[in-house]
Structure formats: structure tokens, C-alpha cells
Amino acid sequence: MLKKDVVIGATYVVKVSEKLAPVRITEACSYGGWVGINTATGREVRIRSAQKLRRLLEPLSDVESRMRVDVVMVTCMKCGRNYNTRTGAQCPGCGKWPEVQS
């Protein structure tokens, strides 16, 4: 898989801890790579390289229909983490509801 082919919101088979797992890419990481959710365990995963991505699990038309939901920048008042999320989502770090930045 190439870096230019990665779509945020898509689900890929990813090599995580020497095993292949389905991971939904949620955002680009500020340090490089991507952040995703392991759909089998619900845990957050950082993907540092496109080499970890094996193949796309779902058609891109399904991904594009999900991407129509508003995405906003939020900051958690408890842990101070800034992240992009869909409206109404809880902080992935501490589980608290975030405050919306203007």
C-alpha cells in the first residue's frame, strides 16, 4: 500500500503486533502516519507506515457516504488532547465529552 492511496475513514487489514487485524483509519497523526480504531478490540492504534496496511476491506463508496458527517476540531477539558472527530464523539483518551473550539 502506498501513502497516497490511504483514505481516512476506510477500513484496512493492518499488521498490528505481528497479527493482521481490521482497522478503521480515523485521522492523520501529527507525527506522521495515521490513527485508527481496531474494530476487533475497539482499541486505538497508531499506524506509522503505509507498509503496515495490507488491503482495503470495504468499497470506497461506503466510506464516502460515512464521510459526509461533519468533522470538527475539539479539545478535551480533562486531558487537554486536541483531535478531529465527528460531532458528538467522546475523547478517545479519557472518555469525557469535549468542548468545541471556534
PDB file of N, CA and C in Angstrom:
ATOM      1  N   MET A   1       0.844  -1.170   0.000  1.00  0.00           N
ATOM      2  CA  MET A   1       0.000   0.000   0.000  1.00  0.00           C
ATOM      3  C   MET A   1       0.895   1.240   0.000  1.00  0.00           C
ATOM      4  N   LEU A   2       0.490   2.247  -0.755  1.00  0.00           N
ATOM      5  CA  LEU A   2       1.239   3.497  -0.819  1.00  0.00           C
ATOM      6  C   LEU A   2       0.554   4.571   0.022  1.00  0.00           C
ATOM      7  N   LYS A   3       1.346   5.502   0.529  1.00  0.00           N
ATOM      8  CA  LYS A   3       0.843   6.573   1.388  1.00  0.00           C
ATOM      9  C   LYS A   3      -0.252   7.386   0.688  1.00  0.00           C
ATOM     10  N   LYS A   4      -0.082   7.639  -0.599  1.00  0.00           N
ATOM     11  CA  LYS A   4      -1.054   8.448  -1.341  1.00  0.00           C
ATOM     12  C   LYS A   4      -2.394   7.734  -1.538  1.00  0.00           C
ATOM     13  N   ASP A   5      -2.428   6.413  -1.379  1.00  0.00           N
ATOM     14  CA  ASP A   5      -3.649   5.635  -1.578  1.00  0.00           C
ATOM     15  C   ASP A   5      -4.494   5.484  -0.316  1.00  0.00           C
ATOM     16  N   VAL A   6      -3.986   5.916   0.838  1.00  0.00           N
ATOM     17  CA  VAL A   6      -4.695   5.737   2.107  1.00  0.00           C
ATOM     18  C   VAL A   6      -5.831   6.751   2.214  1.00  0.00           C
ATOM     19  N   VAL A   7      -7.032   6.262   2.570  1.00  0.00           N
ATOM     20  CA  VAL A   7      -8.219   7.096   2.702  1.00  0.00           C
ATOM     21  C   VAL A   7      -8.653   7.106   4.163  1.00  0.00           C
ATOM     22  N   ILE A   8      -8.771   8.301   4.751  1.00  0.00           N
ATOM     23  CA  ILE A   8      -9.243   8.407   6.130  1.00  0.00           C
ATOM     24  C   ILE A   8     -10.721   8.054   6.164  1.00  0.00           C
ATOM     25  N   GLY A   9     -11.093   7.177   7.073  1.00  0.00           N
ATOM     26  CA  GLY A   9     -12.466   6.695   7.186  1.00  0.00           C
ATOM     27  C   GLY A   9     -12.638   5.289   6.630  1.00  0.00           C
ATOM     28  N   ALA A  10     -11.654   4.803   5.887  1.00  0.00           N
ATOM     29  CA  ALA A  10     -11.716   3.459   5.312  1.00  0.00           C
ATOM     30  C   ALA A  10     -11.197   2.428   6.306  1.00  0.00           C
ATOM     31  N   THR A  11     -11.612   1.174   6.113  1.00  0.00           N
ATOM     32  CA  THR A  11     -11.159   0.076   6.960  1.00  0.00           C
ATOM     33  C   THR A  11     -10.188  -0.788   6.176  1.00  0.00           C
ATOM     34  N   TYR A  12      -9.025  -1.036   6.770  1.00  0.00           N
ATOM     35  CA  TYR A  12      -7.955  -1.805   6.138  1.00  0.00           C
ATOM     36  C   TYR A  12      -7.582  -3.000   7.005  1.00  0.00           C
ATOM     37  N   VAL A  13      -6.983  -4.006   6.380  1.00  0.00           N
ATOM     38  CA  VAL A  13      -6.322  -5.070   7.128  1.00  0.00           C
ATOM     39  C   VAL A  13      -4.926  -4.542   7.427  1.00  0.00           C
ATOM     40  N   VAL A  14      -4.582  -4.492   8.725  1.00  0.00           N
ATOM     41  CA  VAL A  14      -3.331  -3.880   9.168  1.00  0.00           C
ATOM     42  C   VAL A  14      -2.568  -4.870  10.028  1.00  0.00           C
ATOM     43  N   LYS A  15      -1.251  -4.870   9.902  1.00  0.00           N
ATOM     44  CA  LYS A  15      -0.422  -5.709  10.753  1.00  0.00           C
ATOM     45  C   LYS A  15      -0.214  -4.996  12.082  1.00  0.00           C
ATOM     46  N   VAL A  16      -0.833  -5.523  13.147  1.00  0.00           N
ATOM     47  CA  VAL A  16      -0.757  -4.956  14.488  1.00  0.00           C
ATOM     48  C   VAL A  16      -0.210  -6.035  15.415  1.00  0.00           C
ATOM     49  N   SER A  17       0.913  -5.779  16.043  1.00  0.00           N
ATOM     50  CA  SER A  17       1.546  -6.732  16.976  1.00  0.00           C
ATOM     51  C   SER A  17       1.726  -8.108  16.339  1.00  0.00           C
ATOM     52  N   GLU A  18       2.294  -8.112  15.150  1.00  0.00           N
ATOM     53  CA  GLU A  18       2.590  -9.352  14.411  1.00  0.00           C
ATOM     54  C   GLU A  18       1.347 -10.129  13.977  1.00  0.00           C
ATOM     55  N   LYS A  19       0.158  -9.530  14.094  1.00  0.00           N
ATOM     56  CA  LYS A  19      -1.090 -10.173  13.660  1.00  0.00           C
ATOM     57  C   LYS A  19      -1.821  -9.241  12.706  1.00  0.00           C
ATOM     58  N   LEU A  20      -2.659  -9.800  11.836  1.00  0.00           N
ATOM     59  CA  LEU A  20      -3.465  -8.997  10.932  1.00  0.00           C
ATOM     60  C   LEU A  20      -4.808  -8.701  11.590  1.00  0.00           C
ATOM     61  N   ALA A  21      -5.205  -7.418  11.600  1.00  0.00           N
ATOM     62  CA  ALA A  21      -6.445  -7.005  12.257  1.00  0.00           C
ATOM     63  C   ALA A  21      -7.144  -5.957  11.395  1.00  0.00           C
ATOM     64  N   PRO A  22      -8.486  -5.910  11.447  1.00  0.00           N
ATOM     65  CA  PRO A  22      -9.212  -4.858  10.731  1.00  0.00           C
ATOM     66  C   PRO A  22      -9.133  -3.546  11.504  1.00  0.00           C
ATOM     67  N   VAL A  23      -8.684  -2.478  10.843  1.00  0.00           N
ATOM     68  CA  VAL A  23      -8.525  -1.172  11.484  1.00  0.00           C
ATOM     69  C   VAL A  23      -9.187  -0.110  10.619  1.00  0.00           C
ATOM     70  N   ARG A  24     -10.039   0.726  11.248  1.00  0.00           N
ATOM     71  CA  ARG A  24     -10.660   1.859  10.565  1.00  0.00           C
ATOM     72  C   ARG A  24      -9.806   3.090  10.828  1.00  0.00           C
ATOM     73  N   ILE A  25      -9.306   3.732   9.774  1.00  0.00           N
ATOM     74  CA  ILE A  25      -8.470   4.922   9.900  1.00  0.00           C
ATOM     75  C   ILE A  25      -9.371   6.093  10.290  1.00  0.00           C
ATOM     76  N   THR A  26      -9.046   6.777  11.405  1.00  0.00           N
ATOM     77  CA  THR A  26      -9.886   7.873  11.880  1.00  0.00           C
ATOM     78  C   THR A  26      -9.292   9.245  11.611  1.00  0.00           C
ATOM     79  N   GLU A  27      -7.964   9.366  11.601  1.00  0.00           N
ATOM     80  CA  GLU A  27      -7.343  10.664  11.379  1.00  0.00           C
ATOM     81  C   GLU A  27      -5.873  10.495  11.021  1.00  0.00           C
ATOM     82  N   ALA A  28      -5.303  11.560  10.467  1.00  0.00           N
ATOM     83  CA  ALA A  28      -3.864  11.590  10.210  1.00  0.00           C
ATOM     84  C   ALA A  28      -3.171  11.987  11.508  1.00  0.00           C
ATOM     85  N   CYS A  29      -2.060  11.358  11.805  1.00  0.00           N
ATOM     86  CA  CYS A  29      -1.305  11.657  13.025  1.00  0.00           C
ATOM     87  C   CYS A  29      -0.365  12.831  12.752  1.00  0.00           C
ATOM     88  N   SER A  30      -0.256  13.738  13.709  1.00  0.00           N
ATOM     89  CA  SER A  30       0.606  14.906  13.520  1.00  0.00           C
ATOM     90  C   SER A  30       2.089  14.526  13.457  1.00  0.00           C
ATOM     91  N   TYR A  31       2.449  13.358  13.972  1.00  0.00           N
ATOM     92  CA  TYR A  31       3.836  12.883  13.945  1.00  0.00           C
ATOM     93  C   TYR A  31       4.142  12.050  12.705  1.00  0.00           C
ATOM     94  N   GLY A  32       3.165  11.881  11.838  1.00  0.00           N
ATOM     95  CA  GLY A  32       3.313  11.058  10.642  1.00  0.00           C
ATOM     96  C   GLY A  32       2.499   9.789  10.775  1.00  0.00           C
ATOM     97  N   GLY A  33       2.015   9.280   9.679  1.00  0.00           N
ATOM     98  CA  GLY A  33       1.188   8.085   9.716  1.00  0.00           C
ATOM     99  C   GLY A  33      -0.267   8.429  10.017  1.00  0.00           C
ATOM    100  N   TRP A  34      -0.984   7.474  10.628  1.00  0.00           N
ATOM    101  CA  TRP A  34      -2.405   7.625  10.872  1.00  0.00           C
ATOM    102  C   TRP A  34      -2.772   7.056  12.237  1.00  0.00           C
ATOM    103  N   VAL A  35      -3.937   7.464  12.718  1.00  0.00           N
ATOM    104  CA  VAL A  35      -4.517   6.902  13.931  1.00  0.00           C
ATOM    105  C   VAL A  35      -5.782   6.191  13.495  1.00  0.00           C
ATOM    106  N   GLY A  36      -6.000   4.990  14.045  1.00  0.00           N
ATOM    107  CA  GLY A  36      -7.180   4.225  13.692  1.00  0.00           C
ATOM    108  C   GLY A  36      -7.728   3.472  14.889  1.00  0.00           C
ATOM    109  N   ILE A  37      -8.869   2.833  14.685  1.00  0.00           N
ATOM    110  CA  ILE A  37      -9.511   2.024  15.710  1.00  0.00           C
ATOM    111  C   ILE A  37      -9.517   0.579  15.238  1.00  0.00           C
ATOM    112  N   ASN A  38      -8.966  -0.309  16.059  1.00  0.00           N
ATOM    113  CA  ASN A  38      -9.014  -1.743  15.775  1.00  0.00           C
ATOM    114  C   ASN A  38     -10.458  -2.176  15.976  1.00  0.00           C
ATOM    115  N   THR A  39     -11.140  -2.556  14.905  1.00  0.00           N
ATOM    116  CA  THR A  39     -12.562  -2.882  15.003  1.00  0.00           C
ATOM    117  C   THR A  39     -12.817  -4.189  15.736  1.00  0.00           C
ATOM    118  N   ALA A  40     -11.819  -5.030  15.868  1.00  0.00           N
ATOM    119  CA  ALA A  40     -11.987  -6.288  16.609  1.00  0.00           C
ATOM    120  C   ALA A  40     -11.936  -6.054  18.115  1.00  0.00           C
ATOM    121  N   THR A  41     -11.084  -5.128  18.576  1.00  0.00           N
ATOM    122  CA  THR A  41     -10.907  -4.908  20.012  1.00  0.00           C
ATOM    123  C   THR A  41     -11.434  -3.560  20.486  1.00  0.00           C
ATOM    124  N   GLY A  42     -11.614  -2.594  19.566  1.00  0.00           N
ATOM    125  CA  GLY A  42     -12.058  -1.258  19.942  1.00  0.00           C
ATOM    126  C   GLY A  42     -10.938  -0.353  20.429  1.00  0.00           C
ATOM    127  N   ARG A  43      -9.698  -0.812  20.369  1.00  0.00           N
ATOM    128  CA  ARG A  43      -8.557  -0.028  20.850  1.00  0.00           C
ATOM    129  C   ARG A  43      -8.029   0.903  19.763  1.00  0.00           C
ATOM    130  N   GLU A  44      -7.450   2.027  20.213  1.00  0.00           N
ATOM    131  CA  GLU A  44      -6.829   2.961  19.291  1.00  0.00           C
ATOM    132  C   GLU A  44      -5.458   2.434  18.883  1.00  0.00           C
ATOM    133  N   VAL A  45      -5.136   2.584  17.592  1.00  0.00           N
ATOM    134  CA  VAL A  45      -3.884   2.069  17.033  1.00  0.00           C
ATOM    135  C   VAL A  45      -3.225   3.176  16.237  1.00  0.00           C
ATOM    136  N   ARG A  46      -1.905   3.338  16.377  1.00  0.00           N
ATOM    137  CA  ARG A  46      -1.164   4.274  15.527  1.00  0.00           C
ATOM    138  C   ARG A  46      -0.459   3.475  14.453  1.00  0.00           C
ATOM    139  N   ILE A  47      -0.687   3.876  13.216  1.00  0.00           N
ATOM    140  CA  ILE A  47      -0.054   3.226  12.067  1.00  0.00           C
ATOM    141  C   ILE A  47       1.021   4.177  11.565  1.00  0.00           C
ATOM    142  N   ARG A  48       2.266   3.818  11.730  1.00  0.00           N
ATOM    143  CA  ARG A  48       3.372   4.713  11.403  1.00  0.00           C
ATOM    144  C   ARG A  48       3.743   4.697   9.929  1.00  0.00           C
ATOM    145  N   SER A  49       3.425   3.607   9.243  1.00  0.00           N
ATOM    146  CA  SER A  49       3.859   3.477   7.857  1.00  0.00           C
ATOM    147  C   SER A  49       2.766   2.817   7.026  1.00  0.00           C
ATOM    148  N   ALA A  50       2.692   3.194   5.757  1.00  0.00           N
ATOM    149  CA  ALA A  50       1.734   2.575   4.837  1.00  0.00           C
ATOM    150  C   ALA A  50       2.084   1.110   4.583  1.00  0.00           C
ATOM    151  N   GLN A  51       3.313   0.697   4.918  1.00  0.00           N
ATOM    152  CA  GLN A  51       3.707  -0.699   4.738  1.00  0.00           C
ATOM    153  C   GLN A  51       2.927  -1.642   5.647  1.00  0.00           C
ATOM    154  N   LYS A  52       2.381  -1.122   6.758  1.00  0.00           N
ATOM    155  CA  LYS A  52       1.589  -1.939   7.674  1.00  0.00           C
ATOM    156  C   LYS A  52       0.207  -2.258   7.117  1.00  0.00           C
ATOM    157  N   LEU A  53      -0.252  -1.450   6.149  1.00  0.00           N
ATOM    158  CA  LEU A  53      -1.571  -1.643   5.551  1.00  0.00           C
ATOM    159  C   LEU A  53      -1.493  -2.730   4.484  1.00  0.00           C
ATOM    160  N   ARG A  54      -2.396  -3.686   4.564  1.00  0.00           N
ATOM    161  CA  ARG A  54      -2.373  -4.803   3.611  1.00  0.00           C
ATOM    162  C   ARG A  54      -3.357  -4.608   2.460  1.00  0.00           C
ATOM    163  N   ARG A  55      -4.635  -4.408   2.786  1.00  0.00           N
ATOM    164  CA  ARG A  55      -5.645  -4.235   1.736  1.00  0.00           C
ATOM    165  C   ARG A  55      -6.859  -3.531   2.320  1.00  0.00           C
ATOM    166  N   LEU A  56      -7.685  -2.975   1.436  1.00  0.00           N
ATOM    167  CA  LEU A  56      -8.913  -2.305   1.807  1.00  0.00           C
ATOM    168  C   LEU A  56      -9.985  -3.359   2.068  1.00  0.00           C
ATOM    169  N   LEU A  57     -10.752  -3.210   3.154  1.00  0.00           N
ATOM    170  CA  LEU A  57     -11.778  -4.199   3.496  1.00  0.00           C
ATOM    171  C   LEU A  57     -13.155  -3.875   2.945  1.00  0.00           C
ATOM    172  N   GLU A  58     -13.426  -2.627   2.622  1.00  0.00           N
ATOM    173  CA  GLU A  58     -14.759  -2.244   2.164  1.00  0.00           C
ATOM    174  C   GLU A  58     -14.649  -1.347   0.943  1.00  0.00           C
ATOM    175  N   PRO A  59     -15.699  -1.295   0.123  1.00  0.00           N
ATOM    176  CA  PRO A  59     -15.660  -0.429  -1.054  1.00  0.00           C
ATOM    177  C   PRO A  59     -15.585   1.046  -0.651  1.00  0.00           C
ATOM    178  N   LEU A  60     -14.912   1.859  -1.451  1.00  0.00           N
ATOM    179  CA  LEU A  60     -14.770   3.279  -1.131  1.00  0.00           C
ATOM    180  C   LEU A  60     -16.097   4.022  -1.165  1.00  0.00           C
ATOM    181  N   SER A  61     -17.097   3.522  -1.892  1.00  0.00           N
ATOM    182  CA  SER A  61     -18.404   4.196  -1.924  1.00  0.00           C
ATOM    183  C   SER A  61     -19.034   4.192  -0.526  1.00  0.00           C
ATOM    184  N   ASP A  62     -18.845   3.118   0.264  1.00  0.00           N
ATOM    185  CA  ASP A  62     -19.357   3.058   1.630  1.00  0.00           C
ATOM    186  C   ASP A  62     -18.629   4.060   2.516  1.00  0.00           C
ATOM    187  N   VAL A  63     -17.331   4.215   2.308  1.00  0.00           N
ATOM    188  CA  VAL A  63     -16.533   5.159   3.091  1.00  0.00           C
ATOM    189  C   VAL A  63     -16.973   6.584   2.805  1.00  0.00           C
ATOM    190  N   GLU A  64     -17.167   6.919   1.526  1.00  0.00           N
ATOM    191  CA  GLU A  64     -17.558   8.270   1.151  1.00  0.00           C
ATOM    192  C   GLU A  64     -18.912   8.646   1.723  1.00  0.00           C
ATOM    193  N   SER A  65     -19.842   7.699   1.821  1.00  0.00           N
ATOM    194  CA  SER A  65     -21.151   8.004   2.396  1.00  0.00           C
ATOM    195  C   SER A  65     -21.041   8.288   3.890  1.00  0.00           C
ATOM    196  N   ARG A  66     -20.111   7.619   4.599  1.00  0.00           N
ATOM    197  CA  ARG A  66     -19.903   7.886   6.024  1.00  0.00           C
ATOM    198  C   ARG A  66     -19.173   9.189   6.255  1.00  0.00           C
ATOM    199  N   MET A  67     -18.354   9.632   5.290  1.00  0.00           N
ATOM    200  CA  MET A  67     -17.547  10.834   5.450  1.00  0.00           C
ATOM    201  C   MET A  67     -18.373  12.113   5.354  1.00  0.00           C
ATOM    202  N   ARG A  68     -19.659  12.029   4.987  1.00  0.00           N
ATOM    203  CA  ARG A  68     -20.498  13.214   4.867  1.00  0.00           C
ATOM    204  C   ARG A  68     -20.866  13.800   6.226  1.00  0.00           C
ATOM    205  N   VAL A  69     -20.607  13.096   7.311  1.00  0.00           N
ATOM    206  CA  VAL A  69     -20.872  13.599   8.652  1.00  0.00           C
ATOM    207  C   VAL A  69     -19.863  14.708   8.953  1.00  0.00           C
ATOM    208  N   ASP A  70     -20.312  15.777   9.640  1.00  0.00           N
ATOM    209  CA  ASP A  70     -19.425  16.900   9.956  1.00  0.00           C
ATOM    210  C   ASP A  70     -18.277  16.460  10.844  1.00  0.00           C
ATOM    211  N   VAL A  71     -17.074  16.921  10.508  1.00  0.00           N
ATOM    212  CA  VAL A  71     -15.878  16.658  11.304  1.00  0.00           C
ATOM    213  C   VAL A  71     -15.399  17.994  11.847  1.00  0.00           C
ATOM    214  N   VAL A  72     -15.170  18.077  13.165  1.00  0.00           N
ATOM    215  CA  VAL A  72     -14.745  19.322  13.796  1.00  0.00           C
ATOM    216  C   VAL A  72     -13.516  19.076  14.656  1.00  0.00           C
ATOM    217  N   MET A  73     -12.763  20.166  14.933  1.00  0.00           N
ATOM    218  CA  MET A  73     -11.618  20.102  15.846  1.00  0.00           C
ATOM    219  C   MET A  73     -12.134  20.318  17.257  1.00  0.00           C
ATOM    220  N   VAL A  74     -11.797  19.408  18.159  1.00  0.00           N
ATOM    221  CA  VAL A  74     -12.243  19.511  19.550  1.00  0.00           C
ATOM    222  C   VAL A  74     -11.049  19.381  20.481  1.00  0.00           C
ATOM    223  N   THR A  75     -11.223  19.872  21.712  1.00  0.00           N
ATOM    224  CA  THR A  75     -10.201  19.724  22.730  1.00  0.00           C
ATOM    225  C   THR A  75     -10.872  19.209  23.994  1.00  0.00           C
ATOM    226  N   CYS A  76     -10.255  18.250  24.638  1.00  0.00           N
ATOM    227  CA  CYS A  76     -10.802  17.664  25.853  1.00  0.00           C
ATOM    228  C   CYS A  76     -10.438  18.546  27.045  1.00  0.00           C
ATOM    229  N   MET A  77     -11.414  18.897  27.869  1.00  0.00           N
ATOM    230  CA  MET A  77     -11.163  19.756  29.028  1.00  0.00           C
ATOM    231  C   MET A  77     -10.462  18.993  30.152  1.00  0.00           C
ATOM    232  N   LYS A  78     -10.562  17.672  30.145  1.00  0.00           N
ATOM    233  CA  LYS A  78      -9.952  16.870  31.206  1.00  0.00           C
ATOM    234  C   LYS A  78      -8.479  16.576  30.921  1.00  0.00           C
ATOM    235  N   CYS A  79      -8.194  16.026  29.730  1.00  0.00           N
ATOM    236  CA  CYS A  79      -6.810  15.632  29.433  1.00  0.00           C
ATOM    237  C   CYS A  79      -6.098  16.613  28.500  1.00  0.00           C
ATOM    238  N   GLY A  80      -6.822  17.568  27.900  1.00  0.00           N
ATOM    239  CA  GLY A  80      -6.211  18.585  27.059  1.00  0.00           C
ATOM    240  C   GLY A  80      -5.841  18.126  25.667  1.00  0.00           C
ATOM    241  N   ARG A  81      -6.294  16.959  25.264  1.00  0.00           N
ATOM    242  CA  ARG A  81      -5.942  16.423  23.951  1.00  0.00           C
ATOM    243  C   ARG A  81      -6.766  17.099  22.860  1.00  0.00           C
ATOM    244  N   ASN A  82      -6.122  17.526  21.788  1.00  0.00           N
ATOM    245  CA  ASN A  82      -6.803  18.071  20.616  1.00  0.00           C
ATOM    246  C   ASN A  82      -6.887  16.986  19.559  1.00  0.00           C
ATOM    247  N   TYR A  83      -8.056  16.846  18.945  1.00  0.00           N
ATOM    248  CA  TYR A  83      -8.214  15.824  17.917  1.00  0.00           C
ATOM    249  C   TYR A  83      -9.403  16.140  17.034  1.00  0.00           C
ATOM    250  N   ASN A  84      -9.403  15.590  15.816  1.00  0.00           N
ATOM    251  CA  ASN A  84     -10.540  15.719  14.904  1.00  0.00           C
ATOM    252  C   ASN A  84     -11.504  14.591  15.193  1.00  0.00           C
ATOM    253  N   THR A  85     -12.775  14.909  15.205  1.00  0.00           N
ATOM    254  CA  THR A  85     -13.763  13.884  15.493  1.00  0.00           C
ATOM    255  C   THR A  85     -15.095  14.247  14.858  1.00  0.00           C
ATOM    256  N   ARG A  86     -15.949  13.297  14.732  1.00  0.00           N
ATOM    257  CA  ARG A  86     -17.309  13.574  14.292  1.00  0.00           C
ATOM    258  C   ARG A  86     -18.054  14.230  15.443  1.00  0.00           C
ATOM    259  N   THR A  87     -19.009  15.067  15.128  1.00  0.00           N
ATOM    260  CA  THR A  87     -19.762  15.801  16.139  1.00  0.00           C
ATOM    261  C   THR A  87     -20.414  14.831  17.122  1.00  0.00           C
ATOM    262  N   GLY A  88     -20.228  15.089  18.412  1.00  0.00           N
ATOM    263  CA  GLY A  88     -20.869  14.293  19.450  1.00  0.00           C
ATOM    264  C   GLY A  88     -20.043  13.139  19.964  1.00  0.00           C
ATOM    265  N   ALA A  89     -18.785  13.011  19.563  1.00  0.00           N
ATOM    266  CA  ALA A  89     -17.960  11.888  19.998  1.00  0.00           C
ATOM    267  C   ALA A  89     -17.236  12.220  21.299  1.00  0.00           C
ATOM    268  N   GLN A  90     -16.940  11.189  22.068  1.00  0.00           N
ATOM    269  CA  GLN A  90     -16.203  11.351  23.317  1.00  0.00           C
ATOM    270  C   GLN A  90     -14.701  11.328  23.046  1.00  0.00           C
ATOM    271  N   CYS A  91     -13.923  11.864  24.008  1.00  0.00           N
ATOM    272  CA  CYS A  91     -12.473  11.866  23.913  1.00  0.00           C
ATOM    273  C   CYS A  91     -11.962  10.425  23.918  1.00  0.00           C
ATOM    274  N   PRO A  92     -11.132  10.028  22.944  1.00  0.00           N
ATOM    275  CA  PRO A  92     -10.605   8.665  22.944  1.00  0.00           C
ATOM    276  C   PRO A  92      -9.589   8.432  24.057  1.00  0.00           C
ATOM    277  N   GLY A  93      -9.028   9.500  24.620  1.00  0.00           N
ATOM    278  CA  GLY A  93      -8.041   9.350  25.686  1.00  0.00           C
ATOM    279  C   GLY A  93      -8.658   9.087  27.046  1.00  0.00           C
ATOM    280  N   CYS A  94      -9.691   9.897  27.413  1.00  0.00           N
ATOM    281  CA  CYS A  94     -10.245   9.773  28.768  1.00  0.00           C
ATOM    282  C   CYS A  94     -11.748   9.487  28.780  1.00  0.00           C
ATOM    283  N   GLY A  95     -12.437   9.593  27.646  1.00  0.00           N
ATOM    284  CA  GLY A  95     -13.859   9.281  27.581  1.00  0.00           C
ATOM    285  C   GLY A  95     -14.775  10.447  27.932  1.00  0.00           C
ATOM    286  N   LYS A  96     -14.222  11.629  28.206  1.00  0.00           N
ATOM    287  CA  LYS A  96     -15.026  12.795  28.559  1.00  0.00           C
ATOM    288  C   LYS A  96     -15.548  13.454  27.291  1.00  0.00           C
ATOM    289  N   TRP A  97     -16.723  14.094  27.378  1.00  0.00           N
ATOM    290  CA  TRP A  97     -17.275  14.822  26.241  1.00  0.00           C
ATOM    291  C   TRP A  97     -16.461  16.079  26.020  1.00  0.00           C
ATOM    292  N   PRO A  98     -16.059  16.397  24.778  1.00  0.00           N
ATOM    293  CA  PRO A  98     -15.156  17.521  24.508  1.00  0.00           C
ATOM    294  C   PRO A  98     -15.892  18.858  24.381  1.00  0.00           C
ATOM    295  N   GLU A  99     -15.119  19.937  24.460  1.00  0.00           N
ATOM    296  CA  GLU A  99     -15.593  21.292  24.185  1.00  0.00           C
ATOM    297  C   GLU A  99     -15.184  21.632  22.751  1.00  0.00           C
ATOM    298  N   VAL A 100     -16.063  22.252  21.990  1.00  0.00           N
ATOM    299  CA  VAL A 100     -15.789  22.579  20.589  1.00  0.00           C
ATOM    300  C   VAL A 100     -15.024  23.894  20.523  1.00  0.00           C
ATOM    301  N   GLN A 101     -13.925  23.901  19.731  1.00  0.00           N
ATOM    302  CA  GLN A 101     -13.149  25.127  19.522  1.00  0.00           C
ATOM    303  C   GLN A 101     -13.758  25.928  18.395  1.00  0.00           C
ATOM    304  N   SER A 102     -13.656  27.254  18.470  1.00  0.00           N
ATOM    305  CA  SER A 102     -14.158  28.079  17.375  1.00  0.00           C
ATOM    306  C   SER A 102     -13.083  28.374  16.375  1.00  0.00           C
TER     307      SER A 102
END
